Amino acid sequence: MGIARVLRDLLAHPLTRGMDIDSPSTTALRRRIIREKPLLREIYAEWYACLAASLPAMPGAVLELGSGAGFLAEVVPGVITSEILFTTGVDLILDGLRLPFGDNSLRCIVMTDVLHHMPRVESFFREASRCLRPGGVVAMIEPWVTAWSRLVYTRLHHEPFDPEAAEWSFPPTGPLSGANGALPWLVFERDREKFRRAFPELEIVLIRPIMPFRYLLSGGVSLRGLTPARSAPAWRLVERLLAGANGKLAMFAHIVLRKTGGPRP
């Protein structure tokens, strides 16, 4: 057993240790973990504020994908919450690769840590392009590839993370267990020109690498917290001071795509 596996086992959160990641009960437990870990809840609140600020001021519904464990509905009133698993507390059960919405009906699709679980991400982009109104956006928080995040994601995280993958697709082993954490970086950074050629109507308007340390220190939804919640202000300050190095240190990115043809914000 490698050192990384030993560390993951030692640090595993007791509520989810040994549970099937594709089970709806695991999603319910993760909802509880996010609410009970003050530092993690603060991180999600910060992410949701970023997503809320990305919403265009125009008619149309806001759809959140992968809502099961989170609380975006407390930040964005009226958001349509959804999940791919049959779980409580969401409005719809759906697959992001086949959206049950009419053409030009949504003003925004938002998601947190969802895109990198889509085994055929190009299908999602086609659906997003179809459903969004001109000027509508896809706003997301996703893992990002940097020198630091490669080290963390390949050693301490349970999900596959392959920045060297030749393709954007991966085997659909399960709705949550199937993943490539490097997928957003592959699509929007390494293969940016390929994305632009394939989806010229989806303009990349923002890629902002963020948060090199706090999520790791919170333990996320799978690990025990590595620092007391009262240390959060100090770590926020550290991240602000090091913001200029986020290109090498960030573990996540705030990404916004805009469907062309509508008024700019």
C-alpha atoms as a PDB file:
ATOM      1  CA  MET A   1       0.000   0.000   0.000  1.00  0.00           C
ATOM      2  CA  GLY A   2       1.495   3.343  -1.050  1.00  0.00           C
ATOM      3  CA  ILE A   3       2.089   6.244   1.323  1.00  0.00           C
ATOM      4  CA  ALA A   4      -0.600   8.311  -0.423  1.00  0.00           C
ATOM      5  CA  ARG A   5      -3.190   5.557   0.118  1.00  0.00           C
ATOM      6  CA  VAL A   6      -2.218   5.292   3.783  1.00  0.00           C
ATOM      7  CA  LEU A   7      -2.627   9.061   4.209  1.00  0.00           C
ATOM      8  CA  ARG A   8      -6.040   9.042   2.525  1.00  0.00           C
ATOM      9  CA  ASP A   9      -7.199   6.210   4.770  1.00  0.00           C
ATOM     10  CA  LEU A  10      -5.929   7.931   7.921  1.00  0.00           C
ATOM     11  CA  LEU A  11      -7.528  11.248   7.001  1.00  0.00           C
ATOM     12  CA  ALA A  12     -10.825   9.857   5.676  1.00  0.00           C
ATOM     13  CA  HIS A  13     -13.881  11.518   7.176  1.00  0.00           C
ATOM     14  CA  PRO A  14     -15.558   9.023   9.545  1.00  0.00           C
ATOM     15  CA  LEU A  15     -19.038   9.663   8.103  1.00  0.00           C
ATOM     16  CA  THR A  16     -18.108   8.625   4.561  1.00  0.00           C
ATOM     17  CA  ARG A  17     -15.284   6.141   5.209  1.00  0.00           C
ATOM     18  CA  GLY A  18     -15.833   3.060   3.069  1.00  0.00           C
ATOM     19  CA  MET A  19     -19.099   4.275   1.547  1.00  0.00           C
ATOM     20  CA  ASP A  20     -20.002   3.888  -2.117  1.00  0.00           C
ATOM     21  CA  ILE A  21     -19.434   7.298  -3.699  1.00  0.00           C
ATOM     22  CA  ASP A  22     -22.251   6.626  -6.204  1.00  0.00           C
ATOM     23  CA  SER A  23     -24.809   5.991  -3.460  1.00  0.00           C
ATOM     24  CA  PRO A  24     -27.432   8.703  -2.813  1.00  0.00           C
ATOM     25  CA  SER A  25     -26.792   8.223   0.907  1.00  0.00           C
ATOM     26  CA  THR A  26     -23.225   9.420   0.396  1.00  0.00           C
ATOM     27  CA  THR A  27     -24.531  12.614  -1.208  1.00  0.00           C
ATOM     28  CA  ALA A  28     -26.830  13.134   1.787  1.00  0.00           C
ATOM     29  CA  LEU A  29     -23.902  12.670   4.180  1.00  0.00           C
ATOM     30  CA  ARG A  30     -21.810  15.124   2.197  1.00  0.00           C
ATOM     31  CA  ARG A  31     -24.617  17.668   2.521  1.00  0.00           C
ATOM     32  CA  ARG A  32     -24.379  17.223   6.290  1.00  0.00           C
ATOM     33  CA  ILE A  33     -20.567  17.501   6.226  1.00  0.00           C
ATOM     34  CA  ILE A  34     -20.643  20.779   4.282  1.00  0.00           C
ATOM     35  CA  ARG A  35     -23.066  22.279   6.767  1.00  0.00           C
ATOM     36  CA  GLU A  36     -21.234  21.025   9.872  1.00  0.00           C
ATOM     37  CA  LYS A  37     -17.669  21.967   8.887  1.00  0.00           C
ATOM     38  CA  PRO A  38     -17.488  25.775   9.317  1.00  0.00           C
ATOM     39  CA  LEU A  39     -14.448  26.276   7.081  1.00  0.00           C
ATOM     40  CA  LEU A  40     -15.921  24.141   4.296  1.00  0.00           C
ATOM     41  CA  ARG A  41     -19.309  25.882   4.495  1.00  0.00           C
ATOM     42  CA  GLU A  42     -17.515  29.240   4.252  1.00  0.00           C
ATOM     43  CA  ILE A  43     -15.685  28.033   1.144  1.00  0.00           C
ATOM     44  CA  TYR A  44     -18.923  26.961  -0.523  1.00  0.00           C
ATOM     45  CA  ALA A  45     -20.528  30.294   0.397  1.00  0.00           C
ATOM     46  CA  GLU A  46     -17.587  32.072  -1.280  1.00  0.00           C
ATOM     47  CA  TRP A  47     -17.918  29.914  -4.385  1.00  0.00           C
ATOM     48  CA  TYR A  48     -21.655  30.529  -4.548  1.00  0.00           C
ATOM     49  CA  ALA A  49     -21.079  34.275  -4.301  1.00  0.00           C
ATOM     50  CA  CYS A  50     -18.790  34.009  -7.352  1.00  0.00           C
ATOM     51  CA  LEU A  51     -21.416  32.044  -9.262  1.00  0.00           C
ATOM     52  CA  ALA A  52     -24.205  34.439  -8.268  1.00  0.00           C
ATOM     53  CA  ALA A  53     -22.123  37.383  -9.477  1.00  0.00           C
ATOM     54  CA  SER A  54     -21.802  35.644 -12.859  1.00  0.00           C
ATOM     55  CA  LEU A  55     -25.562  35.543 -13.500  1.00  0.00           C
ATOM     56  CA  PRO A  56     -26.591  37.825 -16.367  1.00  0.00           C
ATOM     57  CA  ALA A  57     -29.414  40.298 -15.738  1.00  0.00           C
ATOM     58  CA  MET A  58     -31.923  38.969 -18.259  1.00  0.00           C
ATOM     59  CA  PRO A  59     -35.090  36.854 -18.351  1.00  0.00           C
ATOM     60  CA  GLY A  60     -34.873  33.085 -18.076  1.00  0.00           C
ATOM     61  CA  ALA A  61     -34.448  30.373 -15.488  1.00  0.00           C
ATOM     62  CA  VAL A  62     -31.239  29.479 -13.631  1.00  0.00           C
ATOM     63  CA  LEU A  63     -30.414  25.772 -13.510  1.00  0.00           C
ATOM     64  CA  GLU A  64     -27.929  24.244 -11.078  1.00  0.00           C
ATOM     65  CA  LEU A  65     -26.442  20.851 -11.913  1.00  0.00           C
ATOM     66  CA  GLY A  66     -25.219  18.607  -9.094  1.00  0.00           C
ATOM     67  CA  SER A  67     -27.120  20.362  -6.317  1.00  0.00           C
ATOM     68  CA  GLY A  68     -27.441  17.402  -3.962  1.00  0.00           C
ATOM     69  CA  ALA A  69     -24.852  18.235  -1.307  1.00  0.00           C
ATOM     70  CA  GLY A  70     -24.848  22.023  -1.559  1.00  0.00           C
ATOM     71  CA  PHE A  71     -26.941  25.054  -0.673  1.00  0.00           C
ATOM     72  CA  LEU A  72     -26.854  27.383  -3.683  1.00  0.00           C
ATOM     73  CA  ALA A  73     -30.641  27.805  -3.390  1.00  0.00           C
ATOM     74  CA  GLU A  74     -30.015  29.821  -0.213  1.00  0.00           C
ATOM     75  CA  VAL A  75     -27.874  32.257  -2.223  1.00  0.00           C
ATOM     76  CA  VAL A  76     -29.722  32.352  -5.564  1.00  0.00           C
ATOM     77  CA  PRO A  77     -33.489  32.436  -4.914  1.00  0.00           C
ATOM     78  CA  GLY A  78     -35.553  30.581  -7.491  1.00  0.00           C
ATOM     79  CA  VAL A  79     -32.697  28.473  -8.851  1.00  0.00           C
ATOM     80  CA  ILE A  80     -33.834  25.115 -10.259  1.00  0.00           C
ATOM     81  CA  THR A  81     -31.829  22.533  -8.321  1.00  0.00           C
ATOM     82  CA  SER A  82     -31.037  19.168  -9.862  1.00  0.00           C
ATOM     83  CA  GLU A  83     -29.066  15.994  -9.303  1.00  0.00           C
ATOM     84  CA  ILE A  84     -28.190  12.954 -11.377  1.00  0.00           C
ATOM     85  CA  LEU A  85     -28.828  10.645  -8.401  1.00  0.00           C
ATOM     86  CA  PHE A  86     -32.218  10.048  -6.833  1.00  0.00           C
ATOM     87  CA  THR A  87     -31.839  12.170  -3.733  1.00  0.00           C
ATOM     88  CA  THR A  88     -34.045  14.378  -1.605  1.00  0.00           C
ATOM     89  CA  GLY A  89     -34.052  18.156  -1.487  1.00  0.00           C
ATOM     90  CA  VAL A  90     -33.741  18.893  -5.227  1.00  0.00           C
ATOM     91  CA  ASP A  91     -36.289  19.966  -7.825  1.00  0.00           C
ATOM     92  CA  LEU A  92     -35.293  17.626 -10.657  1.00  0.00           C
ATOM     93  CA  ILE A  93     -33.426  14.381 -11.289  1.00  0.00           C
ATOM     94  CA  LEU A  94     -31.688  14.746 -14.640  1.00  0.00           C
ATOM     95  CA  ASP A  95     -28.592  14.024 -16.682  1.00  0.00           C
ATOM     96  CA  GLY A  96     -26.608  17.103 -17.722  1.00  0.00           C
ATOM     97  CA  LEU A  97     -25.920  15.434 -21.072  1.00  0.00           C
ATOM     98  CA  ARG A  98     -29.664  15.448 -21.901  1.00  0.00           C
ATOM     99  CA  LEU A  99     -31.294  18.550 -20.469  1.00  0.00           C
ATOM    100  CA  PRO A 100     -35.130  18.558 -20.316  1.00  0.00           C
ATOM    101  CA  PHE A 101     -35.465  22.236 -21.248  1.00  0.00           C
ATOM    102  CA  GLY A 102     -36.579  24.014 -24.380  1.00  0.00           C
ATOM    103  CA  ASP A 103     -34.331  25.879 -26.771  1.00  0.00           C
ATOM    104  CA  ASN A 104     -33.252  29.344 -25.588  1.00  0.00           C
ATOM    105  CA  SER A 105     -35.012  28.915 -22.244  1.00  0.00           C
ATOM    106  CA  LEU A 106     -32.255  29.280 -19.615  1.00  0.00           C
ATOM    107  CA  ARG A 107     -30.275  32.370 -18.687  1.00  0.00           C
ATOM    108  CA  CYS A 108     -27.663  30.431 -16.713  1.00  0.00           C
ATOM    109  CA  ILE A 109     -26.402  26.943 -15.925  1.00  0.00           C
ATOM    110  CA  VAL A 110     -24.312  26.835 -12.759  1.00  0.00           C
ATOM    111  CA  MET A 111     -22.353  23.997 -11.180  1.00  0.00           C
ATOM    112  CA  THR A 112     -19.742  23.267  -8.559  1.00  0.00           C
ATOM    113  CA  ASP A 113     -17.385  20.332  -9.120  1.00  0.00           C
ATOM    114  CA  VAL A 114     -19.643  18.782 -11.759  1.00  0.00           C
ATOM    115  CA  LEU A 115     -18.121  19.237 -15.229  1.00  0.00           C
ATOM    116  CA  HIS A 116     -15.191  16.898 -14.524  1.00  0.00           C
ATOM    117  CA  HIS A 117     -17.674  14.064 -13.836  1.00  0.00           C
ATOM    118  CA  MET A 118     -19.223  14.255 -17.322  1.00  0.00           C
ATOM    119  CA  PRO A 119     -17.888  11.334 -19.394  1.00  0.00           C
ATOM    120  CA  ARG A 120     -18.931  12.941 -22.692  1.00  0.00           C
ATOM    121  CA  VAL A 121     -18.516  16.620 -21.947  1.00  0.00           C
ATOM    122  CA  GLU A 122     -19.069  17.651 -25.554  1.00  0.00           C
ATOM    123  CA  SER A 123     -22.672  16.434 -25.220  1.00  0.00           C
ATOM    124  CA  PHE A 124     -23.132  18.835 -22.312  1.00  0.00           C
ATOM    125  CA  PHE A 125     -21.742  21.775 -24.286  1.00  0.00           C
ATOM    126  CA  ARG A 126     -24.163  21.033 -27.140  1.00  0.00           C
ATOM    127  CA  GLU A 127     -27.067  20.903 -24.680  1.00  0.00           C
ATOM    128  CA  ALA A 128     -25.941  24.080 -22.928  1.00  0.00           C
ATOM    129  CA  SER A 129     -25.668  25.874 -26.249  1.00  0.00           C
ATOM    130  CA  ARG A 130     -29.174  24.721 -27.179  1.00  0.00           C
ATOM    131  CA  CYS A 131     -30.854  25.625 -23.889  1.00  0.00           C
ATOM    132  CA  LEU A 132     -29.174  28.941 -23.101  1.00  0.00           C
ATOM    133  CA  ARG A 133     -30.678  32.204 -24.277  1.00  0.00           C
ATOM    134  CA  PRO A 134     -28.309  34.418 -26.288  1.00  0.00           C
ATOM    135  CA  GLY A 135     -26.241  36.197 -23.661  1.00  0.00           C
ATOM    136  CA  GLY A 136     -26.818  33.388 -21.155  1.00  0.00           C
ATOM    137  CA  VAL A 137     -23.879  31.829 -19.348  1.00  0.00           C
ATOM    138  CA  VAL A 138     -22.445  28.629 -17.948  1.00  0.00           C
ATOM    139  CA  ALA A 139     -20.734  29.469 -14.643  1.00  0.00           C
ATOM    140  CA  MET A 140     -18.747  26.870 -12.745  1.00  0.00           C
ATOM    141  CA  ILE A 141     -16.194  26.177 -10.049  1.00  0.00           C
ATOM    142  CA  GLU A 142     -13.957  23.279 -11.086  1.00  0.00           C
ATOM    143  CA  PRO A 143     -10.615  21.673 -10.205  1.00  0.00           C
ATOM    144  CA  TRP A 144      -7.649  23.215 -12.023  1.00  0.00           C
ATOM    145  CA  VAL A 145      -4.215  21.976 -13.003  1.00  0.00           C
ATOM    146  CA  THR A 146      -1.156  23.674 -11.518  1.00  0.00           C
ATOM    147  CA  ALA A 147       2.163  22.367 -10.211  1.00  0.00           C
ATOM    148  CA  TRP A 148       0.713  22.338  -6.665  1.00  0.00           C
ATOM    149  CA  SER A 149      -2.683  20.862  -7.537  1.00  0.00           C
ATOM    150  CA  ARG A 150      -1.060  17.988  -9.466  1.00  0.00           C
ATOM    151  CA  LEU A 151       0.707  16.992  -6.266  1.00  0.00           C
ATOM    152  CA  VAL A 152      -2.440  17.221  -4.123  1.00  0.00           C
ATOM    153  CA  TYR A 153      -4.959  15.676  -6.492  1.00  0.00           C
ATOM    154  CA  THR A 154      -2.799  12.713  -7.457  1.00  0.00           C
ATOM    155  CA  ARG A 155      -1.832  11.852  -3.870  1.00  0.00           C
ATOM    156  CA  LEU A 156      -4.600  12.909  -1.496  1.00  0.00           C
ATOM    157  CA  HIS A 157      -7.748  12.925  -3.626  1.00  0.00           C
ATOM    158  CA  HIS A 158      -9.864   9.863  -4.370  1.00  0.00           C
ATOM    159  CA  GLU A 159     -10.921  10.902  -7.885  1.00  0.00           C
ATOM    160  CA  PRO A 160      -8.937  10.164 -11.077  1.00  0.00           C
ATOM    161  CA  PHE A 161      -6.800  13.121 -12.151  1.00  0.00           C
ATOM    162  CA  ASP A 162      -5.057  12.784 -15.521  1.00  0.00           C
ATOM    163  CA  PRO A 163      -3.676  15.977 -17.096  1.00  0.00           C
ATOM    164  CA  GLU A 164      -2.027  13.842 -19.783  1.00  0.00           C
ATOM    165  CA  ALA A 165      -5.307  12.357 -21.067  1.00  0.00           C
ATOM    166  CA  ALA A 166      -5.453  12.484 -24.863  1.00  0.00           C
ATOM    167  CA  GLU A 167      -9.245  12.791 -24.962  1.00  0.00           C
ATOM    168  CA  TRP A 168     -11.929  14.699 -23.066  1.00  0.00           C
ATOM    169  CA  SER A 169     -13.943  11.519 -22.466  1.00  0.00           C
ATOM    170  CA  PHE A 170     -13.456   8.742 -19.910  1.00  0.00           C
ATOM    171  CA  PRO A 171     -15.239   5.463 -19.054  1.00  0.00           C
ATOM    172  CA  PRO A 172     -18.616   6.176 -17.365  1.00  0.00           C
ATOM    173  CA  THR A 173     -18.040   3.906 -14.358  1.00  0.00           C
ATOM    174  CA  GLY A 174     -20.573   5.748 -12.191  1.00  0.00           C
ATOM    175  CA  PRO A 175     -22.219   9.190 -11.940  1.00  0.00           C
ATOM    176  CA  LEU A 176     -19.726  10.364  -9.293  1.00  0.00           C
ATOM    177  CA  SER A 177     -16.946   7.767  -9.323  1.00  0.00           C
ATOM    178  CA  GLY A 178     -16.357   8.353 -13.024  1.00  0.00           C
ATOM    179  CA  ALA A 179     -14.227  11.481 -13.386  1.00  0.00           C
ATOM    180  CA  ASN A 180     -11.108  13.189 -14.568  1.00  0.00           C
ATOM    181  CA  GLY A 181     -10.356  16.107 -12.265  1.00  0.00           C
ATOM    182  CA  ALA A 182      -8.081  17.593 -14.919  1.00  0.00           C
ATOM    183  CA  LEU A 183     -10.871  17.750 -17.519  1.00  0.00           C
ATOM    184  CA  PRO A 184     -11.756  21.477 -17.131  1.00  0.00           C
ATOM    185  CA  TRP A 185      -8.091  22.417 -17.604  1.00  0.00           C
ATOM    186  CA  LEU A 186      -7.815  20.089 -20.604  1.00  0.00           C
ATOM    187  CA  VAL A 187     -10.846  21.686 -22.275  1.00  0.00           C
ATOM    188  CA  PHE A 188     -10.355  25.360 -21.441  1.00  0.00           C
ATOM    189  CA  GLU A 189      -6.563  25.659 -21.236  1.00  0.00           C
ATOM    190  CA  ARG A 190      -4.634  22.912 -23.023  1.00  0.00           C
ATOM    191  CA  ASP A 191      -7.242  22.406 -25.774  1.00  0.00           C
ATOM    192  CA  ARG A 192      -8.722  25.908 -25.801  1.00  0.00           C
ATOM    193  CA  GLU A 193      -8.504  26.295 -29.572  1.00  0.00           C
ATOM    194  CA  LYS A 194     -10.185  22.919 -30.063  1.00  0.00           C
ATOM    195  CA  PHE A 195     -13.031  24.079 -27.809  1.00  0.00           C
ATOM    196  CA  ARG A 196     -13.366  27.361 -29.690  1.00  0.00           C
ATOM    197  CA  ARG A 197     -13.543  25.572 -33.031  1.00  0.00           C
ATOM    198  CA  ALA A 198     -16.090  23.044 -31.770  1.00  0.00           C
ATOM    199  CA  PHE A 199     -18.304  25.545 -29.906  1.00  0.00           C
ATOM    200  CA  PRO A 200     -17.770  29.022 -31.383  1.00  0.00           C
ATOM    201  CA  GLU A 201     -21.071  30.148 -29.881  1.00  0.00           C
ATOM    202  CA  LEU A 202     -19.763  29.541 -26.325  1.00  0.00           C
ATOM    203  CA  GLU A 203     -17.296  32.325 -25.621  1.00  0.00           C
ATOM    204  CA  ILE A 204     -14.817  31.842 -22.760  1.00  0.00           C
ATOM    205  CA  VAL A 205     -15.178  35.084 -20.797  1.00  0.00           C
ATOM    206  CA  LEU A 206     -13.449  34.147 -17.529  1.00  0.00           C
ATOM    207  CA  ILE A 207     -10.893  31.674 -16.251  1.00  0.00           C
ATOM    208  CA  ARG A 208      -9.761  32.688 -12.777  1.00  0.00           C
ATOM    209  CA  PRO A 209      -7.571  30.219 -10.854  1.00  0.00           C
ATOM    210  CA  ILE A 210      -8.407  30.350  -7.145  1.00  0.00           C
ATOM    211  CA  MET A 211      -7.961  28.865  -3.675  1.00  0.00           C
ATOM    212  CA  PRO A 212      -4.640  27.019  -3.383  1.00  0.00           C
ATOM    213  CA  PHE A 213      -4.892  25.990   0.276  1.00  0.00           C
ATOM    214  CA  ARG A 214      -8.187  26.459   2.091  1.00  0.00           C
ATOM    215  CA  TYR A 215     -10.156  23.613   0.496  1.00  0.00           C
ATOM    216  CA  LEU A 216      -7.355  21.164   1.201  1.00  0.00           C
ATOM    217  CA  LEU A 217      -7.076  22.384   4.796  1.00  0.00           C
ATOM    218  CA  SER A 218     -10.846  22.066   5.260  1.00  0.00           C
ATOM    219  CA  GLY A 219     -10.620  18.402   4.296  1.00  0.00           C
ATOM    220  CA  GLY A 220     -13.344  18.879   1.706  1.00  0.00           C
ATOM    221  CA  VAL A 221     -16.240  16.414   1.787  1.00  0.00           C
ATOM    222  CA  SER A 222     -14.070  13.303   2.035  1.00  0.00           C
ATOM    223  CA  LEU A 223     -11.324  14.045   4.582  1.00  0.00           C
ATOM    224  CA  ARG A 224     -11.089  15.298   8.129  1.00  0.00           C
ATOM    225  CA  GLY A 225     -10.338  18.987   8.565  1.00  0.00           C
ATOM    226  CA  LEU A 226      -6.612  19.718   8.774  1.00  0.00           C
ATOM    227  CA  THR A 227      -6.875  23.089  10.519  1.00  0.00           C
ATOM    228  CA  PRO A 228      -9.291  24.669  13.036  1.00  0.00           C
ATOM    229  CA  ALA A 229     -12.042  26.859  11.605  1.00  0.00           C
ATOM    230  CA  ARG A 230     -10.732  29.865  13.545  1.00  0.00           C
ATOM    231  CA  SER A 231      -7.633  29.842  11.322  1.00  0.00           C
ATOM    232  CA  ALA A 232      -9.724  30.737   8.242  1.00  0.00           C
ATOM    233  CA  PRO A 233      -8.992  34.505   8.322  1.00  0.00           C
ATOM    234  CA  ALA A 234      -5.252  33.831   8.409  1.00  0.00           C
ATOM    235  CA  TRP A 235      -5.457  31.463   5.445  1.00  0.00           C
ATOM    236  CA  ARG A 236      -7.625  33.913   3.481  1.00  0.00           C
ATOM    237  CA  LEU A 237      -4.897  36.491   4.018  1.00  0.00           C
ATOM    238  CA  VAL A 238      -2.208  34.051   2.877  1.00  0.00           C
ATOM    239  CA  GLU A 239      -4.165  33.310  -0.301  1.00  0.00           C
ATOM    240  CA  ARG A 240      -4.678  37.010  -1.018  1.00  0.00           C
ATOM    241  CA  LEU A 241      -0.965  37.681  -0.590  1.00  0.00           C
ATOM    242  CA  LEU A 242      -0.120  34.800  -2.931  1.00  0.00           C
ATOM    243  CA  ALA A 243      -2.823  35.563  -5.502  1.00  0.00           C
ATOM    244  CA  GLY A 244      -0.197  36.523  -8.055  1.00  0.00           C
ATOM    245  CA  ALA A 245       1.114  32.949  -7.946  1.00  0.00           C
ATOM    246  CA  ASN A 246      -2.251  31.256  -8.472  1.00  0.00           C
ATOM    247  CA  GLY A 247      -1.137  30.163 -11.911  1.00  0.00           C
ATOM    248  CA  LYS A 248       1.202  27.745 -10.130  1.00  0.00           C
ATOM    249  CA  LEU A 249      -0.673  27.160  -6.871  1.00  0.00           C
ATOM    250  CA  ALA A 250      -4.457  27.246  -7.430  1.00  0.00           C
ATOM    251  CA  MET A 251      -6.483  24.085  -6.943  1.00  0.00           C
ATOM    252  CA  PHE A 252      -9.700  25.408  -8.512  1.00  0.00           C
ATOM    253  CA  ALA A 253     -10.865  27.839 -11.169  1.00  0.00           C
ATOM    254  CA  HIS A 254     -13.933  30.038 -11.583  1.00  0.00           C
ATOM    255  CA  ILE A 255     -14.911  29.602 -15.244  1.00  0.00           C
ATOM    256  CA  VAL A 256     -17.614  31.443 -17.180  1.00  0.00           C
ATOM    257  CA  LEU A 257     -18.795  30.755 -20.728  1.00  0.00           C
ATOM    258  CA  ARG A 258     -21.222  33.054 -22.537  1.00  0.00           C
ATOM    259  CA  LYS A 259     -23.522  32.153 -25.408  1.00  0.00           C
ATOM    260  CA  THR A 260     -22.967  34.747 -28.093  1.00  0.00           C
ATOM    261  CA  GLY A 261     -25.689  36.810 -29.675  1.00  0.00           C
ATOM    262  CA  GLY A 262     -27.168  38.620 -26.686  1.00  0.00           C
ATOM    263  CA  PRO A 263     -26.380  41.881 -24.904  1.00  0.00           C
ATOM    264  CA  ARG A 264     -23.152  41.934 -22.962  1.00  0.00           C
ATOM    265  CA  PRO A 265     -23.347  42.519 -19.186  1.00  0.00           C
END
